[in-house]
């Protein structure tokens, strides 16, 4: 009887050992598979991250190129209107005795073109492409502080103008109605005033 019970115990122990080893191998395999899967995921994430970094770098380069292009276009626009401002306003019976470019007070404001005629000073803001917000900002924020920044013009009457390489007709009319001279580029690369013949410029101060 005792031997029979011992045999059963040994048999059950053997079966348990076999099942334990089988489960151990299965678990070990599952752990190995999980590690392999994680490794592949990590590698994929690394590749994705590397690709993302390359894409970000390309976008940065494109942004820099576009920024540089914008700066170049801005300089081209300023140069165009600066060179032509005297001849353009002769047709308006205005003769500027002096024309300054990039008049600024660091950290406060900068004015692209400032032209003097007698007791009048014409302040011109130059853009690549004009929109209403630019017109409003110039009239409401930049022109009002001009004399405060440059007291030497305190006894002058202030006129305003906006020049841009690209101006839609409705934006040009909007700026004109606000009392501004409107300058733009011609099809042959020259400069022209868009104002109507009966235009009367506003005195801003």
C-alpha atoms as a PDB file:
ATOM      1  CA  UNK A   1       0.000   0.000   0.000  1.00  0.00           C
ATOM      2  CA  UNK A   2       2.793   2.405   0.929  1.00  0.00           C
ATOM      3  CA  UNK A   3       4.687   1.597  -2.226  1.00  0.00           C
ATOM      4  CA  UNK A   4       1.624   2.242  -4.341  1.00  0.00           C
ATOM      5  CA  UNK A   5       1.098   5.676  -2.790  1.00  0.00           C
ATOM      6  CA  UNK A   6       4.768   6.502  -3.286  1.00  0.00           C
ATOM      7  CA  UNK A   7       4.551   5.439  -6.904  1.00  0.00           C
ATOM      8  CA  UNK A   8       1.589   7.742  -7.420  1.00  0.00           C
ATOM      9  CA  UNK A   9       3.384  10.636  -5.756  1.00  0.00           C
ATOM     10  CA  UNK A  10       6.451  10.114  -7.917  1.00  0.00           C
ATOM     11  CA  UNK A  11       4.282   9.817 -11.029  1.00  0.00           C
ATOM     12  CA  UNK A  12       2.394  13.016 -10.203  1.00  0.00           C
ATOM     13  CA  UNK A  13       5.667  14.758  -9.449  1.00  0.00           C
ATOM     14  CA  UNK A  14       7.033  13.659 -12.799  1.00  0.00           C
ATOM     15  CA  UNK A  15       3.888  14.877 -14.568  1.00  0.00           C
ATOM     16  CA  UNK A  16       4.101  18.174 -12.691  1.00  0.00           C
ATOM     17  CA  UNK A  17       7.759  18.543 -13.655  1.00  0.00           C
ATOM     18  CA  UNK A  18       6.960  17.883 -17.303  1.00  0.00           C
ATOM     19  CA  UNK A  19       4.070  20.397 -17.274  1.00  0.00           C
ATOM     20  CA  UNK A  20       6.199  22.936 -15.399  1.00  0.00           C
ATOM     21  CA  UNK A  21       9.008  22.620 -17.937  1.00  0.00           C
ATOM     22  CA  UNK A  22       6.525  22.942 -20.804  1.00  0.00           C
ATOM     23  CA  UNK A  23       4.985  26.086 -19.313  1.00  0.00           C
ATOM     24  CA  UNK A  24       8.418  27.482 -18.559  1.00  0.00           C
ATOM     25  CA  UNK A  25       9.493  27.003 -22.170  1.00  0.00           C
ATOM     26  CA  UNK A  26       6.248  28.560 -23.410  1.00  0.00           C
ATOM     27  CA  UNK A  27       6.646  31.558 -21.134  1.00  0.00           C
ATOM     28  CA  UNK A  28      10.308  31.891 -22.107  1.00  0.00           C
ATOM     29  CA  UNK A  29       9.309  31.791 -25.780  1.00  0.00           C
ATOM     30  CA  UNK A  30       6.610  34.416 -25.222  1.00  0.00           C
ATOM     31  CA  UNK A  31       9.100  36.642 -23.398  1.00  0.00           C
ATOM     32  CA  UNK A  32      11.601  36.190 -26.239  1.00  0.00           C
ATOM     33  CA  UNK A  33       8.913  37.003 -28.831  1.00  0.00           C
ATOM     34  CA  UNK A  34       7.919  40.071 -26.849  1.00  0.00           C
ATOM     35  CA  UNK A  35      11.534  41.242 -26.653  1.00  0.00           C
ATOM     36  CA  UNK A  36      11.953  40.681 -30.390  1.00  0.00           C
ATOM     37  CA  UNK A  37       8.752  42.565 -31.086  1.00  0.00           C
ATOM     38  CA  UNK A  38       9.864  45.395 -28.796  1.00  0.00           C
ATOM     39  CA  UNK A  39      13.228  45.481 -30.548  1.00  0.00           C
ATOM     40  CA  UNK A  40      11.517  45.788 -33.929  1.00  0.00           C
ATOM     41  CA  UNK A  41       9.224  48.482 -32.524  1.00  0.00           C
ATOM     42  CA  UNK A  42      12.206  50.386 -31.099  1.00  0.00           C
ATOM     43  CA  UNK A  43      14.027  50.110 -34.421  1.00  0.00           C
ATOM     44  CA  UNK A  44      10.929  51.311 -36.260  1.00  0.00           C
ATOM     45  CA  UNK A  45      10.513  54.187 -33.816  1.00  0.00           C
ATOM     46  CA  UNK A  46      14.164  55.097 -34.275  1.00  0.00           C
ATOM     47  CA  UNK A  47      13.764  55.058 -38.051  1.00  0.00           C
ATOM     48  CA  UNK A  48      10.589  57.125 -37.751  1.00  0.00           C
ATOM     49  CA  UNK A  49      12.359  59.594 -35.465  1.00  0.00           C
ATOM     50  CA  UNK A  50      15.314  59.849 -37.843  1.00  0.00           C
ATOM     51  CA  UNK A  51      12.958  60.440 -40.769  1.00  0.00           C
ATOM     52  CA  UNK A  52      11.067  63.033 -38.743  1.00  0.00           C
ATOM     53  CA  UNK A  53      14.303  64.849 -37.901  1.00  0.00           C
ATOM     54  CA  UNK A  54      15.261  64.866 -41.581  1.00  0.00           C
ATOM     55  CA  UNK A  55      11.838  66.234 -42.510  1.00  0.00           C
ATOM     56  CA  UNK A  56      12.072  68.938 -39.818  1.00  0.00           C
ATOM     57  CA  UNK A  57      15.524  69.902 -41.102  1.00  0.00           C
ATOM     58  CA  UNK A  58      14.205  70.147 -44.660  1.00  0.00           C
ATOM     59  CA  UNK A  59      11.287  72.305 -43.489  1.00  0.00           C
ATOM     60  CA  UNK A  60      13.704  74.532 -41.558  1.00  0.00           C
ATOM     61  CA  UNK A  61      15.827  74.940 -44.681  1.00  0.00           C
ATOM     62  CA  UNK A  62      12.764  75.738 -46.783  1.00  0.00           C
ATOM     63  CA  UNK A  63      11.590  78.228 -44.141  1.00  0.00           C
ATOM     64  CA  UNK A  64      15.015  79.871 -44.129  1.00  0.00           C
ATOM     65  CA  UNK A  65      15.053  80.067 -47.921  1.00  0.00           C
ATOM     66  CA  UNK A  66      11.555  81.575 -47.946  1.00  0.00           C
ATOM     67  CA  UNK A  67      12.572  84.002 -45.221  1.00  0.00           C
ATOM     68  CA  UNK A  68      15.666  84.995 -47.181  1.00  0.00           C
ATOM     69  CA  UNK A  69      13.531  85.372 -50.297  1.00  0.00           C
ATOM     70  CA  UNK A  70      11.115  87.602 -48.382  1.00  0.00           C
ATOM     71  CA  UNK A  71      13.991  89.766 -47.181  1.00  0.00           C
ATOM     72  CA  UNK A  72      15.363  90.035 -50.706  1.00  0.00           C
ATOM     73  CA  UNK A  73      11.936  90.958 -52.089  1.00  0.00           C
ATOM     74  CA  UNK A  74      11.555  93.536 -49.314  1.00  0.00           C
ATOM     75  CA  UNK A  75      14.884  95.092 -50.231  1.00  0.00           C
ATOM     76  CA  UNK A  76      13.947  95.070 -53.923  1.00  0.00           C
ATOM     77  CA  UNK A  77      10.636  96.793 -53.151  1.00  0.00           C
ATOM     78  CA  UNK A  78      12.258  99.422 -50.935  1.00  0.00           C
ATOM     79  CA  UNK A  79      14.952 100.103 -53.515  1.00  0.00           C
ATOM     80  CA  UNK A  80      12.358 100.415 -56.304  1.00  0.00           C
ATOM     81  CA  UNK A  81      10.257 103.039 -54.527  1.00  0.00           C
ATOM     82  CA  UNK A  82      13.232 104.830 -53.013  1.00  0.00           C
ATOM     83  CA  UNK A  83      14.777 105.342 -56.464  1.00  0.00           C
ATOM     84  CA  UNK A  84      11.508 106.461 -58.053  1.00  0.00           C
ATOM     85  CA  UNK A  85       9.819 108.536 -55.360  1.00  0.00           C
ATOM     86  CA  UNK A  86      11.106 111.901 -56.605  1.00  0.00           C
ATOM     87  CA  UNK A  87      10.077 111.334 -60.226  1.00  0.00           C
ATOM     88  CA  UNK A  88       6.695 109.868 -59.245  1.00  0.00           C
ATOM     89  CA  UNK A  89       5.677 112.895 -57.208  1.00  0.00           C
ATOM     90  CA  UNK A  90       6.822 115.468 -59.761  1.00  0.00           C
ATOM     91  CA  UNK A  91       3.580 114.651 -61.558  1.00  0.00           C
ATOM     92  CA  UNK A  92       1.804 115.643 -58.326  1.00  0.00           C
ATOM     93  CA  UNK A  93       3.663 118.975 -58.337  1.00  0.00           C
ATOM     94  CA  UNK A  94       5.661 117.814 -55.324  1.00  0.00           C
ATOM     95  CA  UNK A  95       9.424 118.242 -55.244  1.00  0.00           C
ATOM     96  CA  UNK A  96      11.260 116.479 -52.467  1.00  0.00           C
ATOM     97  CA  UNK A  97      14.428 118.202 -51.352  1.00  0.00           C
ATOM     98  CA  UNK A  98      15.575 115.090 -49.508  1.00  0.00           C
ATOM     99  CA  UNK A  99      14.648 111.422 -49.333  1.00  0.00           C
ATOM    100  CA  UNK A 100      15.830 109.156 -46.510  1.00  0.00           C
ATOM    101  CA  UNK A 101      15.650 105.380 -46.296  1.00  0.00           C
ATOM    102  CA  UNK A 102      15.239 103.097 -43.255  1.00  0.00           C
ATOM    103  CA  UNK A 103      14.820 105.866 -40.703  1.00  0.00           C
ATOM    104  CA  UNK A 104      14.520 104.061 -37.376  1.00  0.00           C
ATOM    105  CA  UNK A 105      14.780 104.112 -33.632  1.00  0.00           C
ATOM    106  CA  UNK A 106      16.042 100.760 -32.416  1.00  0.00           C
ATOM    107  CA  UNK A 107      13.446  98.711 -30.618  1.00  0.00           C
ATOM    108  CA  UNK A 108      10.673 101.230 -31.294  1.00  0.00           C
ATOM    109  CA  UNK A 109       9.867 101.653 -34.995  1.00  0.00           C
ATOM    110  CA  UNK A 110      11.355 101.831 -38.477  1.00  0.00           C
ATOM    111  CA  UNK A 111      10.138 103.879 -41.441  1.00  0.00           C
ATOM    112  CA  UNK A 112      11.104 102.651 -44.887  1.00  0.00           C
ATOM    113  CA  UNK A 113      11.096 105.935 -46.820  1.00  0.00           C
ATOM    114  CA  UNK A 114      10.855 109.500 -45.497  1.00  0.00           C
ATOM    115  CA  UNK A 115      10.728 112.336 -48.036  1.00  0.00           C
ATOM    116  CA  UNK A 116      10.664 116.072 -47.246  1.00  0.00           C
ATOM    117  CA  UNK A 117       8.910 118.770 -49.285  1.00  0.00           C
ATOM    118  CA  UNK A 118       8.848 122.200 -47.663  1.00  0.00           C
ATOM    119  CA  UNK A 119       6.887 121.907 -44.417  1.00  0.00           C
ATOM    120  CA  UNK A 120       5.550 118.465 -45.346  1.00  0.00           C
ATOM    121  CA  UNK A 121       7.095 115.049 -44.744  1.00  0.00           C
ATOM    122  CA  UNK A 122       5.870 111.968 -46.593  1.00  0.00           C
ATOM    123  CA  UNK A 123       6.287 108.716 -44.656  1.00  0.00           C
ATOM    124  CA  UNK A 124       6.090 105.595 -46.840  1.00  0.00           C
ATOM    125  CA  UNK A 125       5.683 102.026 -45.619  1.00  0.00           C
ATOM    126  CA  UNK A 126       6.871  99.357 -48.090  1.00  0.00           C
ATOM    127  CA  UNK A 127       5.542  95.777 -48.314  1.00  0.00           C
ATOM    128  CA  UNK A 128       5.806  92.866 -50.746  1.00  0.00           C
ATOM    129  CA  UNK A 129       2.032  92.345 -50.865  1.00  0.00           C
ATOM    130  CA  UNK A 130      -0.374  94.806 -49.287  1.00  0.00           C
ATOM    131  CA  UNK A 131      -3.407  93.921 -47.175  1.00  0.00           C
ATOM    132  CA  UNK A 132      -5.927  95.836 -45.053  1.00  0.00           C
ATOM    133  CA  UNK A 133      -4.295  94.965 -41.732  1.00  0.00           C
ATOM    134  CA  UNK A 134      -1.042  96.496 -42.923  1.00  0.00           C
ATOM    135  CA  UNK A 135      -2.848  99.690 -43.918  1.00  0.00           C
ATOM    136  CA  UNK A 136      -4.660  99.890 -40.563  1.00  0.00           C
ATOM    137  CA  UNK A 137      -1.483  99.188 -38.581  1.00  0.00           C
ATOM    138  CA  UNK A 138       0.430 101.889 -40.445  1.00  0.00           C
ATOM    139  CA  UNK A 139      -2.286 104.519 -39.961  1.00  0.00           C
ATOM    140  CA  UNK A 140      -3.246 103.691 -36.383  1.00  0.00           C
ATOM    141  CA  UNK A 141       0.087 102.725 -34.864  1.00  0.00           C
ATOM    142  CA  UNK A 142       3.098 103.863 -36.857  1.00  0.00           C
ATOM    143  CA  UNK A 143       2.161 107.302 -38.183  1.00  0.00           C
ATOM    144  CA  UNK A 144       0.833 108.605 -34.824  1.00  0.00           C
ATOM    145  CA  UNK A 145       4.176 108.051 -33.065  1.00  0.00           C
ATOM    146  CA  UNK A 146       6.377 109.392 -35.886  1.00  0.00           C
ATOM    147  CA  UNK A 147       6.804 112.886 -34.419  1.00  0.00           C
ATOM    148  CA  UNK A 148       7.351 111.498 -30.922  1.00  0.00           C
ATOM    149  CA  UNK A 149      10.201 109.337 -32.169  1.00  0.00           C
ATOM    150  CA  UNK A 150      11.687 112.057 -34.379  1.00  0.00           C
ATOM    151  CA  UNK A 151      11.031 115.453 -32.714  1.00  0.00           C
ATOM    152  CA  UNK A 152      12.875 117.299 -35.484  1.00  0.00           C
ATOM    153  CA  UNK A 153       9.744 116.782 -37.594  1.00  0.00           C
ATOM    154  CA  UNK A 154       7.389 118.180 -34.940  1.00  0.00           C
ATOM    155  CA  UNK A 155       6.618 121.291 -37.011  1.00  0.00           C
ATOM    156  CA  UNK A 156       6.040 119.351 -40.240  1.00  0.00           C
ATOM    157  CA  UNK A 157       2.733 118.188 -41.663  1.00  0.00           C
ATOM    158  CA  UNK A 158       2.705 114.407 -42.005  1.00  0.00           C
ATOM    159  CA  UNK A 159       1.550 112.656 -45.176  1.00  0.00           C
ATOM    160  CA  UNK A 160       1.394 108.907 -45.538  1.00  0.00           C
ATOM    161  CA  UNK A 161       2.053 106.459 -48.335  1.00  0.00           C
ATOM    162  CA  UNK A 162       2.193 102.721 -48.849  1.00  0.00           C
ATOM    163  CA  UNK A 163       4.145 100.949 -51.552  1.00  0.00           C
ATOM    164  CA  UNK A 164       3.973  97.276 -52.489  1.00  0.00           C
ATOM    165  CA  UNK A 165       5.018  95.059 -55.369  1.00  0.00           C
ATOM    166  CA  UNK A 166       1.577  93.432 -55.345  1.00  0.00           C
ATOM    167  CA  UNK A 167      -1.642  95.354 -54.588  1.00  0.00           C
ATOM    168  CA  UNK A 168      -5.140  94.121 -55.348  1.00  0.00           C
ATOM    169  CA  UNK A 169      -7.396  96.877 -56.659  1.00  0.00           C
ATOM    170  CA  UNK A 170      -9.743  96.835 -53.647  1.00  0.00           C
ATOM    171  CA  UNK A 171      -6.803  97.104 -51.239  1.00  0.00           C
ATOM    172  CA  UNK A 172      -5.363  99.999 -53.216  1.00  0.00           C
ATOM    173  CA  UNK A 173      -8.734 101.799 -53.055  1.00  0.00           C
ATOM    174  CA  UNK A 174      -8.945 101.053 -49.321  1.00  0.00           C
ATOM    175  CA  UNK A 175      -5.561 102.671 -48.700  1.00  0.00           C
ATOM    176  CA  UNK A 176      -6.464 105.621 -50.927  1.00  0.00           C
ATOM    177  CA  UNK A 177      -9.750 106.223 -49.057  1.00  0.00           C
ATOM    178  CA  UNK A 178      -7.715 106.286 -45.853  1.00  0.00           C
ATOM    179  CA  UNK A 179      -5.807 109.257 -47.310  1.00  0.00           C
ATOM    180  CA  UNK A 180      -2.620 107.460 -48.323  1.00  0.00           C
ATOM    181  CA  UNK A 181      -0.576 107.707 -51.467  1.00  0.00           C
ATOM    182  CA  UNK A 182      -0.396 104.239 -53.028  1.00  0.00           C
ATOM    183  CA  UNK A 183       2.714 103.129 -54.932  1.00  0.00           C
ATOM    184  CA  UNK A 184       3.150  99.904 -56.858  1.00  0.00           C
ATOM    185  CA  UNK A 185       5.291  98.155 -59.437  1.00  0.00           C
ATOM    186  CA  UNK A 186       4.479  98.429 -63.132  1.00  0.00           C
ATOM    187  CA  UNK A 187       4.508  95.546 -65.601  1.00  0.00           C
ATOM    188  CA  UNK A 188       7.893  96.683 -66.936  1.00  0.00           C
ATOM    189  CA  UNK A 189       9.486  96.793 -63.486  1.00  0.00           C
ATOM    190  CA  UNK A 190       9.092 100.510 -62.886  1.00  0.00           C
ATOM    191  CA  UNK A 191       7.011 102.293 -60.261  1.00  0.00           C
ATOM    192  CA  UNK A 192       3.679 104.113 -60.428  1.00  0.00           C
ATOM    193  CA  UNK A 193       1.124 105.902 -58.269  1.00  0.00           C
ATOM    194  CA  UNK A 194      -2.280 104.227 -58.147  1.00  0.00           C
ATOM    195  CA  UNK A 195      -4.134 107.250 -56.786  1.00  0.00           C
ATOM    196  CA  UNK A 196      -6.900 108.852 -58.829  1.00  0.00           C
ATOM    197  CA  UNK A 197      -6.252 112.281 -60.352  1.00  0.00           C
ATOM    198  CA  UNK A 198      -8.558 114.056 -57.912  1.00  0.00           C
ATOM    199  CA  UNK A 199      -6.956 112.372 -54.884  1.00  0.00           C
ATOM    200  CA  UNK A 200      -6.312 114.634 -51.900  1.00  0.00           C
ATOM    201  CA  UNK A 201      -3.841 113.269 -49.364  1.00  0.00           C
ATOM    202  CA  UNK A 202      -4.757 113.327 -45.694  1.00  0.00           C
ATOM    203  CA  UNK A 203      -2.688 115.334 -43.226  1.00  0.00           C
ATOM    204  CA  UNK A 204      -2.038 112.955 -40.362  1.00  0.00           C
ATOM    205  CA  UNK A 205      -0.505 115.422 -37.985  1.00  0.00           C
END
